[in-house]
N, C-alpha and C. Protein backbone atom coordinates (compact mmCIF):
# COMPACT_ATOMS: atom_id res chain seq x y z
N MET A 1 59.84 -23.97 -2.52
CA MET A 1 58.63 -24.01 -3.32
C MET A 1 58.94 -24.52 -4.72
N ASN A 2 58.05 -25.32 -5.26
CA ASN A 2 58.22 -25.89 -6.58
C ASN A 2 58.21 -24.80 -7.65
N ASN A 3 59.01 -24.98 -8.69
CA ASN A 3 59.07 -24.00 -9.76
C ASN A 3 57.73 -23.78 -10.46
N LYS A 4 56.83 -24.79 -10.37
CA LYS A 4 55.52 -24.67 -10.99
C LYS A 4 54.71 -23.54 -10.36
N LEU A 5 55.09 -23.10 -9.17
CA LEU A 5 54.37 -22.06 -8.47
C LEU A 5 54.99 -20.68 -8.69
N LEU A 6 55.90 -20.59 -9.64
CA LEU A 6 56.54 -19.31 -9.93
C LEU A 6 55.51 -18.33 -10.48
N TYR A 7 55.47 -17.14 -9.93
CA TYR A 7 54.51 -16.14 -10.34
C TYR A 7 55.11 -15.14 -11.32
N LYS A 8 54.25 -14.62 -12.19
CA LYS A 8 54.61 -13.50 -13.03
C LYS A 8 54.12 -12.25 -12.32
N ASN A 9 55.00 -11.28 -12.10
CA ASN A 9 54.66 -10.09 -11.32
C ASN A 9 54.69 -8.83 -12.17
N TYR A 10 53.62 -8.06 -12.08
CA TYR A 10 53.52 -6.77 -12.76
C TYR A 10 53.54 -5.69 -11.69
N ILE A 11 54.51 -4.79 -11.77
CA ILE A 11 54.73 -3.82 -10.69
C ILE A 11 54.47 -2.40 -11.19
N PHE A 12 53.49 -1.73 -10.57
CA PHE A 12 53.17 -0.35 -10.91
C PHE A 12 54.19 0.59 -10.27
N LEU A 13 54.77 1.47 -11.09
CA LEU A 13 55.75 2.43 -10.57
C LEU A 13 55.51 3.83 -11.13
N GLU A 14 55.50 4.80 -10.23
CA GLU A 14 55.46 6.20 -10.64
C GLU A 14 56.77 6.88 -10.29
N LYS A 15 57.52 6.27 -9.39
CA LYS A 15 58.83 6.81 -9.00
C LYS A 15 59.73 5.65 -8.61
N ILE A 16 61.03 5.92 -8.55
CA ILE A 16 61.98 4.87 -8.24
C ILE A 16 63.07 5.44 -7.32
N ASN A 17 63.51 4.61 -6.38
CA ASN A 17 64.61 4.99 -5.50
C ASN A 17 65.50 3.78 -5.28
N ASN A 18 66.52 3.89 -4.47
CA ASN A 18 67.47 2.80 -4.28
C ASN A 18 66.82 1.55 -3.68
N LEU A 19 65.90 1.73 -2.74
CA LEU A 19 65.22 0.59 -2.14
C LEU A 19 64.41 -0.17 -3.18
N VAL A 20 63.68 0.57 -4.01
CA VAL A 20 62.87 -0.05 -5.06
C VAL A 20 63.76 -0.78 -6.07
N LYS A 21 64.88 -0.17 -6.44
CA LYS A 21 65.81 -0.81 -7.38
C LYS A 21 66.31 -2.14 -6.82
N GLU A 22 66.69 -2.13 -5.54
CA GLU A 22 67.17 -3.36 -4.90
C GLU A 22 66.08 -4.42 -4.88
N ASN A 23 64.87 -4.02 -4.55
CA ASN A 23 63.76 -4.97 -4.49
C ASN A 23 63.40 -5.53 -5.86
N LEU A 24 63.41 -4.69 -6.87
CA LEU A 24 63.08 -5.14 -8.22
C LEU A 24 64.03 -6.24 -8.69
N LEU A 25 65.31 -6.10 -8.34
CA LEU A 25 66.31 -7.07 -8.78
C LEU A 25 66.22 -8.39 -8.01
N LYS A 26 65.36 -8.45 -6.99
CA LYS A 26 65.14 -9.70 -6.26
C LYS A 26 64.09 -10.57 -6.93
N PHE A 27 63.39 -10.00 -7.90
CA PHE A 27 62.37 -10.74 -8.65
C PHE A 27 62.95 -11.20 -9.98
N SER A 28 62.64 -12.42 -10.37
CA SER A 28 63.20 -12.92 -11.63
C SER A 28 62.17 -12.94 -12.75
N ASN A 29 60.94 -12.62 -12.47
CA ASN A 29 59.88 -12.74 -13.48
C ASN A 29 58.93 -11.55 -13.37
N ILE A 30 59.43 -10.37 -13.77
CA ILE A 30 58.64 -9.16 -13.58
C ILE A 30 58.54 -8.33 -14.86
N SER A 31 57.51 -7.48 -14.86
CA SER A 31 57.38 -6.39 -15.82
C SER A 31 57.00 -5.16 -15.03
N ILE A 32 57.49 -4.01 -15.46
CA ILE A 32 57.18 -2.75 -14.78
C ILE A 32 56.12 -2.00 -15.58
N ILE A 33 55.10 -1.51 -14.88
CA ILE A 33 54.05 -0.70 -15.51
C ILE A 33 54.28 0.76 -15.12
N ILE A 34 54.44 1.61 -16.14
CA ILE A 34 54.80 3.01 -15.92
C ILE A 34 53.68 3.95 -16.33
N ASP A 35 53.42 4.92 -15.47
CA ASP A 35 52.44 5.97 -15.77
C ASP A 35 53.21 7.20 -16.24
N ILE A 36 53.21 7.43 -17.55
CA ILE A 36 53.94 8.57 -18.12
C ILE A 36 52.98 9.74 -18.31
N SER A 37 53.37 10.90 -17.77
CA SER A 37 52.56 12.11 -17.94
C SER A 37 53.48 13.28 -18.22
N HIS A 38 53.25 13.94 -19.34
CA HIS A 38 54.07 15.10 -19.68
C HIS A 38 53.43 16.41 -19.21
N ASP A 39 52.33 16.29 -18.46
CA ASP A 39 51.70 17.47 -17.90
C ASP A 39 52.57 18.06 -16.78
N LYS A 40 53.29 17.16 -16.11
CA LYS A 40 54.15 17.60 -15.02
C LYS A 40 55.57 17.11 -15.28
N ILE A 41 56.52 18.03 -15.26
CA ILE A 41 57.91 17.72 -15.56
C ILE A 41 58.46 16.65 -14.61
N LYS A 42 58.09 16.73 -13.35
CA LYS A 42 58.59 15.78 -12.35
C LYS A 42 58.17 14.36 -12.69
N LYS A 43 56.92 14.18 -13.10
CA LYS A 43 56.43 12.85 -13.45
C LYS A 43 57.18 12.31 -14.66
N SER A 44 57.44 13.17 -15.62
CA SER A 44 58.15 12.77 -16.82
C SER A 44 59.56 12.29 -16.49
N LYS A 45 60.26 13.02 -15.60
CA LYS A 45 61.61 12.63 -15.21
C LYS A 45 61.60 11.30 -14.46
N ASN A 46 60.61 11.10 -13.59
CA ASN A 46 60.49 9.83 -12.88
C ASN A 46 60.29 8.68 -13.85
N ALA A 47 59.44 8.89 -14.83
CA ALA A 47 59.16 7.85 -15.82
C ALA A 47 60.42 7.48 -16.60
N LEU A 48 61.19 8.49 -17.00
CA LEU A 48 62.42 8.23 -17.75
C LEU A 48 63.44 7.50 -16.90
N SER A 49 63.50 7.81 -15.61
CA SER A 49 64.40 7.10 -14.70
C SER A 49 64.03 5.62 -14.62
N ILE A 50 62.74 5.34 -14.58
CA ILE A 50 62.26 3.95 -14.52
C ILE A 50 62.59 3.23 -15.82
N ILE A 51 62.34 3.90 -16.95
CA ILE A 51 62.64 3.30 -18.25
C ILE A 51 64.12 2.97 -18.38
N ASN A 52 64.98 3.90 -18.00
CA ASN A 52 66.42 3.67 -18.08
C ASN A 52 66.86 2.50 -17.19
N PHE A 53 66.29 2.43 -16.00
CA PHE A 53 66.59 1.32 -15.10
C PHE A 53 66.14 -0.01 -15.71
N ALA A 54 64.94 -0.03 -16.27
CA ALA A 54 64.40 -1.24 -16.88
C ALA A 54 65.27 -1.71 -18.05
N ARG A 55 65.65 -0.79 -18.90
CA ARG A 55 66.48 -1.15 -20.05
C ARG A 55 67.85 -1.67 -19.61
N LYS A 56 68.44 -1.00 -18.64
CA LYS A 56 69.76 -1.41 -18.14
C LYS A 56 69.74 -2.82 -17.59
N ASN A 57 68.64 -3.18 -16.94
CA ASN A 57 68.54 -4.49 -16.29
C ASN A 57 67.69 -5.49 -17.07
N LYS A 58 67.36 -5.13 -18.33
CA LYS A 58 66.61 -6.00 -19.23
C LYS A 58 65.29 -6.46 -18.63
N ILE A 59 64.59 -5.51 -18.02
CA ILE A 59 63.27 -5.76 -17.45
C ILE A 59 62.22 -5.19 -18.41
N PRO A 60 61.26 -6.01 -18.86
CA PRO A 60 60.21 -5.49 -19.75
C PRO A 60 59.44 -4.36 -19.06
N PHE A 61 59.08 -3.33 -19.81
CA PHE A 61 58.27 -2.26 -19.24
C PHE A 61 57.05 -1.98 -20.11
N ILE A 62 55.98 -1.65 -19.44
CA ILE A 62 54.67 -1.43 -20.06
C ILE A 62 54.23 -0.02 -19.70
N ILE A 63 53.68 0.71 -20.66
CA ILE A 63 53.25 2.08 -20.41
C ILE A 63 51.72 2.13 -20.32
N LYS A 64 51.23 2.85 -19.32
CA LYS A 64 49.80 2.90 -19.06
C LYS A 64 49.09 3.88 -19.99
N ASN A 65 48.15 3.35 -20.77
CA ASN A 65 47.19 4.12 -21.58
C ASN A 65 47.75 4.89 -22.77
N ASN A 66 49.01 5.25 -22.75
CA ASN A 66 49.54 6.17 -23.76
C ASN A 66 50.20 5.44 -24.94
N PHE A 67 49.44 5.32 -26.02
CA PHE A 67 49.90 4.61 -27.22
C PHE A 67 51.13 5.28 -27.84
N GLN A 68 51.08 6.61 -27.93
CA GLN A 68 52.20 7.35 -28.56
C GLN A 68 53.50 7.15 -27.79
N GLU A 69 53.41 7.15 -26.47
CA GLU A 69 54.62 6.96 -25.66
C GLU A 69 55.15 5.53 -25.79
N CYS A 70 54.26 4.57 -26.00
CA CYS A 70 54.69 3.19 -26.22
C CYS A 70 55.56 3.09 -27.47
N VAL A 71 55.15 3.77 -28.52
CA VAL A 71 55.92 3.79 -29.76
C VAL A 71 57.23 4.53 -29.57
N LYS A 72 57.15 5.71 -28.93
CA LYS A 72 58.32 6.56 -28.74
C LYS A 72 59.42 5.85 -27.95
N TYR A 73 59.04 5.18 -26.85
CA TYR A 73 60.04 4.55 -25.98
C TYR A 73 60.23 3.06 -26.25
N LYS A 74 59.56 2.56 -27.30
CA LYS A 74 59.66 1.14 -27.68
C LYS A 74 59.34 0.24 -26.49
N ALA A 75 58.19 0.51 -25.91
CA ALA A 75 57.74 -0.27 -24.75
C ALA A 75 57.40 -1.70 -25.16
N ASP A 76 57.37 -2.57 -24.16
CA ASP A 76 57.04 -3.98 -24.41
C ASP A 76 55.54 -4.24 -24.37
N GLY A 77 54.77 -3.20 -24.00
CA GLY A 77 53.34 -3.39 -23.96
C GLY A 77 52.62 -2.14 -23.49
N ILE A 78 51.30 -2.23 -23.46
CA ILE A 78 50.47 -1.13 -23.00
C ILE A 78 49.43 -1.67 -22.02
N LEU A 79 49.12 -0.88 -21.01
CA LEU A 79 48.04 -1.21 -20.08
C LEU A 79 46.86 -0.30 -20.41
N ILE A 80 45.72 -0.92 -20.73
CA ILE A 80 44.51 -0.18 -21.04
C ILE A 80 43.60 -0.23 -19.81
N GLU A 81 43.39 0.91 -19.17
CA GLU A 81 42.54 0.93 -17.99
C GLU A 81 41.07 0.78 -18.37
N GLN A 82 40.22 0.53 -17.35
CA GLN A 82 38.83 0.20 -17.60
C GLN A 82 38.08 1.31 -18.33
N GLN A 83 38.43 2.56 -18.09
CA GLN A 83 37.73 3.67 -18.73
C GLN A 83 38.22 3.94 -20.15
N ASN A 84 39.34 3.34 -20.52
CA ASN A 84 39.90 3.51 -21.86
C ASN A 84 39.26 2.50 -22.81
N LYS A 85 38.48 2.98 -23.76
CA LYS A 85 37.74 2.09 -24.67
C LYS A 85 38.32 2.07 -26.08
N LYS A 86 39.51 2.68 -26.24
CA LYS A 86 40.15 2.72 -27.56
C LYS A 86 40.76 1.37 -27.92
N ASN A 87 40.71 1.03 -29.19
CA ASN A 87 41.39 -0.17 -29.67
C ASN A 87 42.83 0.17 -30.06
N ILE A 88 43.73 -0.80 -29.85
CA ILE A 88 45.14 -0.59 -30.19
C ILE A 88 45.31 -0.66 -31.70
N LYS A 89 46.10 0.26 -32.23
CA LYS A 89 46.33 0.29 -33.67
C LYS A 89 47.09 -0.96 -34.13
N PRO A 90 46.73 -1.51 -35.28
CA PRO A 90 47.36 -2.75 -35.78
C PRO A 90 48.86 -2.68 -35.95
N LEU A 91 49.41 -1.47 -36.10
CA LEU A 91 50.85 -1.30 -36.32
C LEU A 91 51.67 -2.02 -35.26
N LEU A 92 51.26 -1.89 -34.00
CA LEU A 92 52.02 -2.50 -32.91
C LEU A 92 51.86 -4.01 -32.87
N LEU A 93 50.80 -4.51 -33.47
CA LEU A 93 50.55 -5.95 -33.43
C LEU A 93 51.47 -6.72 -34.37
N LYS A 94 52.28 -6.01 -35.17
CA LYS A 94 53.20 -6.67 -36.09
C LYS A 94 54.42 -7.24 -35.38
N ARG A 95 54.68 -6.80 -34.16
CA ARG A 95 55.79 -7.33 -33.39
C ARG A 95 55.27 -7.75 -32.02
N LYS A 96 56.14 -8.38 -31.26
CA LYS A 96 55.72 -8.83 -29.94
C LYS A 96 55.38 -7.62 -29.07
N PHE A 97 54.15 -7.57 -28.63
CA PHE A 97 53.68 -6.42 -27.86
C PHE A 97 52.51 -6.86 -26.99
N ASP A 98 52.63 -6.68 -25.68
CA ASP A 98 51.58 -7.11 -24.75
C ASP A 98 50.51 -6.05 -24.61
N ILE A 99 49.26 -6.47 -24.76
CA ILE A 99 48.13 -5.58 -24.51
C ILE A 99 47.43 -6.09 -23.26
N ILE A 100 47.50 -5.31 -22.20
CA ILE A 100 46.95 -5.71 -20.91
C ILE A 100 45.78 -4.81 -20.56
N GLY A 101 44.71 -5.42 -20.08
CA GLY A 101 43.52 -4.65 -19.71
C GLY A 101 43.31 -4.66 -18.21
N LYS A 102 42.49 -3.73 -17.75
CA LYS A 102 42.17 -3.64 -16.33
C LYS A 102 40.66 -3.62 -16.19
N ALA A 103 40.12 -4.46 -15.29
CA ALA A 103 38.67 -4.57 -15.15
C ALA A 103 38.27 -4.78 -13.69
N HIS A 104 37.00 -4.45 -13.40
CA HIS A 104 36.45 -4.66 -12.06
C HIS A 104 35.23 -5.59 -12.08
N ASN A 105 34.72 -5.87 -13.28
CA ASN A 105 33.51 -6.70 -13.37
C ASN A 105 33.43 -7.40 -14.72
N GLN A 106 32.36 -8.15 -14.92
CA GLN A 106 32.17 -8.94 -16.13
C GLN A 106 32.09 -8.06 -17.38
N LEU A 107 31.35 -6.96 -17.29
CA LEU A 107 31.20 -6.07 -18.44
C LEU A 107 32.53 -5.50 -18.89
N GLU A 108 33.33 -5.04 -17.94
CA GLU A 108 34.64 -4.49 -18.27
C GLU A 108 35.58 -5.57 -18.79
N TYR A 109 35.43 -6.79 -18.28
CA TYR A 109 36.23 -7.91 -18.77
C TYR A 109 35.96 -8.14 -20.26
N LEU A 110 34.68 -8.20 -20.64
CA LEU A 110 34.31 -8.43 -22.05
C LEU A 110 34.80 -7.29 -22.93
N GLN A 111 34.76 -6.08 -22.38
CA GLN A 111 35.27 -4.91 -23.10
C GLN A 111 36.75 -5.08 -23.43
N LYS A 112 37.52 -5.55 -22.46
CA LYS A 112 38.96 -5.73 -22.65
C LYS A 112 39.27 -6.89 -23.59
N VAL A 113 38.44 -7.91 -23.56
CA VAL A 113 38.60 -9.02 -24.51
C VAL A 113 38.45 -8.49 -25.93
N ASN A 114 37.45 -7.62 -26.15
CA ASN A 114 37.21 -7.04 -27.47
C ASN A 114 38.32 -6.08 -27.89
N GLN A 115 39.12 -5.63 -26.93
CA GLN A 115 40.26 -4.76 -27.24
C GLN A 115 41.55 -5.57 -27.44
N ASN A 116 41.40 -6.87 -27.62
CA ASN A 116 42.53 -7.78 -27.90
C ASN A 116 43.53 -7.89 -26.75
N CYS A 117 43.07 -7.76 -25.52
CA CYS A 117 43.97 -7.89 -24.38
C CYS A 117 44.35 -9.36 -24.19
N SER A 118 45.65 -9.60 -24.00
CA SER A 118 46.13 -10.97 -23.79
C SER A 118 46.18 -11.31 -22.30
N LEU A 119 46.01 -10.30 -21.44
CA LEU A 119 45.98 -10.48 -19.99
C LEU A 119 45.07 -9.41 -19.42
N ILE A 120 44.24 -9.79 -18.43
CA ILE A 120 43.33 -8.81 -17.83
C ILE A 120 43.52 -8.79 -16.32
N MET A 121 43.78 -7.59 -15.79
CA MET A 121 43.95 -7.42 -14.35
C MET A 121 42.60 -7.20 -13.70
N LEU A 122 42.27 -8.04 -12.74
CA LEU A 122 41.00 -7.92 -12.03
C LEU A 122 41.26 -7.38 -10.64
N SER A 123 40.53 -6.32 -10.27
CA SER A 123 40.72 -5.69 -8.97
C SER A 123 39.37 -5.19 -8.43
N PRO A 124 39.30 -4.86 -7.14
CA PRO A 124 40.37 -4.99 -6.13
C PRO A 124 40.32 -6.35 -5.44
N LEU A 125 41.47 -7.01 -5.36
CA LEU A 125 41.53 -8.33 -4.73
C LEU A 125 41.36 -8.22 -3.22
N PHE A 126 42.25 -7.46 -2.58
CA PHE A 126 42.20 -7.29 -1.12
C PHE A 126 41.98 -5.82 -0.77
N PHE A 127 41.73 -5.57 0.48
CA PHE A 127 41.48 -4.20 0.95
C PHE A 127 42.71 -3.32 0.72
N ASN A 128 42.47 -2.11 0.27
CA ASN A 128 43.52 -1.10 0.15
C ASN A 128 42.87 0.27 0.25
N LYS A 129 43.66 1.30 0.34
CA LYS A 129 43.15 2.65 0.57
C LYS A 129 42.22 3.15 -0.53
N LYS A 130 42.36 2.59 -1.71
CA LYS A 130 41.58 3.07 -2.86
C LYS A 130 40.13 2.58 -2.82
N TYR A 131 39.90 1.42 -2.21
CA TYR A 131 38.57 0.82 -2.21
C TYR A 131 38.11 0.49 -0.78
N SER A 132 36.81 0.57 -0.55
CA SER A 132 36.28 0.22 0.77
C SER A 132 36.25 -1.30 0.90
N LYS A 133 36.12 -1.77 2.14
CA LYS A 133 36.11 -3.22 2.39
C LYS A 133 34.90 -3.91 1.76
N TYR A 134 33.87 -3.13 1.40
CA TYR A 134 32.67 -3.70 0.80
C TYR A 134 32.82 -3.95 -0.70
N LYS A 135 33.87 -3.38 -1.28
CA LYS A 135 34.07 -3.53 -2.72
C LYS A 135 35.13 -4.57 -3.09
N ILE A 136 35.87 -5.06 -2.11
CA ILE A 136 36.94 -6.01 -2.43
C ILE A 136 36.36 -7.37 -2.79
N LEU A 137 37.11 -8.12 -3.59
CA LEU A 137 36.68 -9.44 -4.04
C LEU A 137 37.08 -10.54 -3.07
N ASP A 138 38.30 -10.46 -2.57
CA ASP A 138 38.90 -11.52 -1.77
C ASP A 138 39.00 -12.78 -2.63
N VAL A 139 39.51 -13.86 -2.06
CA VAL A 139 39.83 -15.06 -2.83
C VAL A 139 38.61 -15.73 -3.45
N LEU A 140 37.56 -15.92 -2.66
CA LEU A 140 36.38 -16.66 -3.13
C LEU A 140 35.70 -15.96 -4.29
N LYS A 141 35.42 -14.67 -4.15
CA LYS A 141 34.77 -13.93 -5.24
C LYS A 141 35.66 -13.84 -6.47
N PHE A 142 36.96 -13.66 -6.23
CA PHE A 142 37.91 -13.57 -7.36
C PHE A 142 37.86 -14.87 -8.17
N ASN A 143 37.94 -16.00 -7.51
CA ASN A 143 37.94 -17.30 -8.20
C ASN A 143 36.60 -17.56 -8.89
N ASN A 144 35.48 -17.17 -8.25
CA ASN A 144 34.16 -17.37 -8.85
C ASN A 144 33.96 -16.46 -10.06
N PHE A 145 34.43 -15.21 -9.95
CA PHE A 145 34.34 -14.24 -11.04
C PHE A 145 35.02 -14.78 -12.29
N THR A 146 36.18 -15.36 -12.11
CA THR A 146 37.03 -15.74 -13.25
C THR A 146 36.85 -17.20 -13.69
N LEU A 147 35.88 -17.88 -13.11
CA LEU A 147 35.71 -19.31 -13.34
C LEU A 147 35.63 -19.68 -14.82
N ASN A 148 34.87 -18.92 -15.59
CA ASN A 148 34.68 -19.22 -17.02
C ASN A 148 35.37 -18.24 -17.95
N TRP A 149 36.26 -17.42 -17.38
CA TRP A 149 36.98 -16.47 -18.22
C TRP A 149 38.12 -17.18 -18.94
N LYS A 150 38.20 -17.00 -20.23
CA LYS A 150 39.20 -17.71 -21.03
C LYS A 150 40.52 -16.93 -21.15
N THR A 151 40.46 -15.61 -21.08
CA THR A 151 41.68 -14.80 -21.15
C THR A 151 42.41 -14.87 -19.81
N PRO A 152 43.73 -15.05 -19.81
CA PRO A 152 44.50 -15.09 -18.55
C PRO A 152 44.23 -13.88 -17.66
N ILE A 153 44.17 -14.14 -16.35
CA ILE A 153 43.82 -13.11 -15.38
C ILE A 153 45.01 -12.80 -14.46
N CYS A 154 45.09 -11.54 -14.05
CA CYS A 154 46.11 -11.10 -13.09
C CYS A 154 45.40 -10.50 -11.88
N ALA A 155 45.79 -10.91 -10.68
CA ALA A 155 45.21 -10.37 -9.44
C ALA A 155 45.85 -9.03 -9.12
N LEU A 156 45.01 -8.05 -8.75
CA LEU A 156 45.50 -6.70 -8.47
C LEU A 156 44.79 -6.12 -7.25
N GLY A 157 45.57 -5.50 -6.37
CA GLY A 157 44.99 -4.76 -5.26
C GLY A 157 45.25 -5.35 -3.89
N GLY A 158 45.95 -4.59 -3.05
CA GLY A 158 46.11 -4.96 -1.65
C GLY A 158 47.06 -6.11 -1.37
N ILE A 159 47.97 -6.41 -2.29
CA ILE A 159 48.93 -7.49 -2.05
C ILE A 159 50.07 -6.96 -1.18
N ASN A 160 50.24 -7.59 -0.01
CA ASN A 160 51.27 -7.19 0.93
C ASN A 160 51.62 -8.39 1.82
N PHE A 161 52.44 -8.17 2.84
CA PHE A 161 52.86 -9.27 3.69
C PHE A 161 51.69 -9.92 4.42
N GLN A 162 50.67 -9.14 4.74
CA GLN A 162 49.53 -9.68 5.46
C GLN A 162 48.65 -10.57 4.59
N THR A 163 48.63 -10.30 3.28
CA THR A 163 47.74 -11.06 2.39
C THR A 163 48.47 -12.14 1.57
N LEU A 164 49.79 -12.23 1.72
CA LEU A 164 50.56 -13.17 0.91
C LEU A 164 50.12 -14.62 1.06
N LYS A 165 49.71 -15.00 2.27
CA LYS A 165 49.33 -16.40 2.51
C LYS A 165 48.11 -16.82 1.70
N LYS A 166 47.29 -15.84 1.33
CA LYS A 166 46.09 -16.14 0.56
C LYS A 166 46.36 -16.29 -0.94
N ILE A 167 47.53 -15.80 -1.37
CA ILE A 167 47.86 -15.79 -2.79
C ILE A 167 47.79 -17.19 -3.41
N ARG A 168 48.25 -18.19 -2.67
CA ARG A 168 48.28 -19.55 -3.21
C ARG A 168 46.90 -20.11 -3.51
N LEU A 169 45.86 -19.50 -2.92
CA LEU A 169 44.49 -19.97 -3.12
C LEU A 169 43.86 -19.43 -4.40
N LEU A 170 44.53 -18.47 -5.03
CA LEU A 170 43.99 -17.86 -6.24
C LEU A 170 44.18 -18.76 -7.45
N LYS A 171 43.24 -18.68 -8.37
CA LYS A 171 43.34 -19.45 -9.61
C LYS A 171 44.04 -18.61 -10.68
N THR A 172 45.21 -18.13 -10.32
CA THR A 172 46.05 -17.39 -11.25
C THR A 172 47.48 -17.40 -10.74
N LYS A 173 48.42 -17.27 -11.65
CA LYS A 173 49.83 -17.15 -11.27
C LYS A 173 50.39 -15.82 -11.76
N ASN A 174 49.47 -14.86 -11.95
CA ASN A 174 49.84 -13.50 -12.34
C ASN A 174 49.42 -12.53 -11.24
N LEU A 175 50.37 -11.76 -10.73
CA LEU A 175 50.10 -10.82 -9.65
C LEU A 175 50.55 -9.42 -10.04
N SER A 176 49.86 -8.43 -9.49
CA SER A 176 50.25 -7.05 -9.72
C SER A 176 50.12 -6.27 -8.43
N PHE A 177 51.11 -5.40 -8.18
CA PHE A 177 51.08 -4.62 -6.95
C PHE A 177 51.85 -3.31 -7.13
N LYS A 178 51.67 -2.42 -6.15
CA LYS A 178 52.31 -1.10 -6.21
C LYS A 178 53.11 -0.82 -4.95
N ASN A 179 52.44 -0.67 -3.83
CA ASN A 179 53.12 -0.28 -2.59
C ASN A 179 54.04 -1.36 -2.04
N PHE A 180 53.75 -2.60 -2.36
CA PHE A 180 54.53 -3.72 -1.82
C PHE A 180 56.01 -3.64 -2.20
N ILE A 181 56.32 -3.06 -3.37
CA ILE A 181 57.70 -3.01 -3.83
C ILE A 181 58.55 -2.05 -2.99
N PHE A 182 57.91 -1.20 -2.18
CA PHE A 182 58.62 -0.28 -1.30
C PHE A 182 58.88 -0.91 0.07
N GLU A 183 58.55 -2.19 0.23
CA GLU A 183 58.68 -2.87 1.51
C GLU A 183 60.13 -3.31 1.76
N PRO A 184 60.78 -2.82 2.83
CA PRO A 184 62.19 -3.17 3.08
C PRO A 184 62.39 -4.62 3.53
N LYS A 185 61.32 -5.35 3.85
CA LYS A 185 61.45 -6.72 4.33
C LYS A 185 61.60 -7.75 3.20
N ILE A 186 61.42 -7.31 1.95
CA ILE A 186 61.50 -8.27 0.84
C ILE A 186 62.89 -8.85 0.75
N LYS A 187 62.95 -10.18 0.67
CA LYS A 187 64.23 -10.89 0.58
C LYS A 187 64.27 -11.74 -0.68
N LYS A 188 65.43 -12.05 -1.11
CA LYS A 188 65.60 -12.87 -2.31
C LYS A 188 65.49 -14.35 -1.94
N PRO A 189 64.85 -15.22 -2.76
CA PRO A 189 64.18 -14.88 -4.02
C PRO A 189 62.72 -14.51 -3.80
N ALA A 190 62.39 -13.27 -4.02
CA ALA A 190 61.02 -12.80 -3.83
C ALA A 190 60.08 -13.36 -4.87
N CYS A 191 60.62 -13.74 -6.03
CA CYS A 191 59.78 -14.18 -7.15
C CYS A 191 58.93 -15.39 -6.81
N LYS A 192 59.33 -16.18 -5.81
CA LYS A 192 58.58 -17.39 -5.48
C LYS A 192 57.56 -17.18 -4.36
N PHE A 193 57.56 -16.00 -3.77
CA PHE A 193 56.66 -15.70 -2.68
C PHE A 193 56.69 -16.80 -1.62
N ASN A 194 57.88 -17.20 -1.24
CA ASN A 194 57.98 -18.26 -0.25
C ASN A 194 58.27 -17.69 1.13
N CYS A 195 58.59 -18.55 2.09
CA CYS A 195 58.75 -18.13 3.48
C CYS A 195 59.92 -17.17 3.70
N ARG A 196 60.82 -17.06 2.74
CA ARG A 196 61.96 -16.16 2.92
C ARG A 196 61.56 -14.69 2.76
N LEU A 197 60.30 -14.45 2.36
CA LEU A 197 59.82 -13.09 2.24
C LEU A 197 59.61 -12.46 3.61
N VAL A 198 59.28 -13.26 4.61
CA VAL A 198 58.86 -12.69 5.88
C VAL A 198 59.91 -12.90 6.96
């Protein structure tokens, strides 16, 4: 596959194990999105394990919703979910820092634009357990939704081996997924999403 088709991958992680570590290192263009919660000790330990792995392997990491934790752990960015309407404090804008938004429709997209997001994740792309088949966008709706959107878009939801063939039809080179990283069939170089994946 031509290098022009190289994708940027954002991977949601709440826990990490040896299989995930091996799979992460097969991607050359990734960022990890971490959900940090100090309400539960186990979640906090998982998050720290992910952060340590990311730092050791020089992988950018982004923390979901929690501005204070971004500062504390010197994260590379923050993910603002659709229900989060807070604006990011200017302090972080003085250095390189990614502000990523999450949206399901036009209204939420405009909301994230006003929050200075440099990338917006649009979901759900394909069917997954979180959404019914009537709520998914699929390729046609996804491309029509984003036709006049000026902020870069990332596809999110239901990306797996069954839906990979449709990825090339999307008008974006930014992908985000969660369960796919636990797939033992992933082969190097996964970053190109080519035939060696299957």
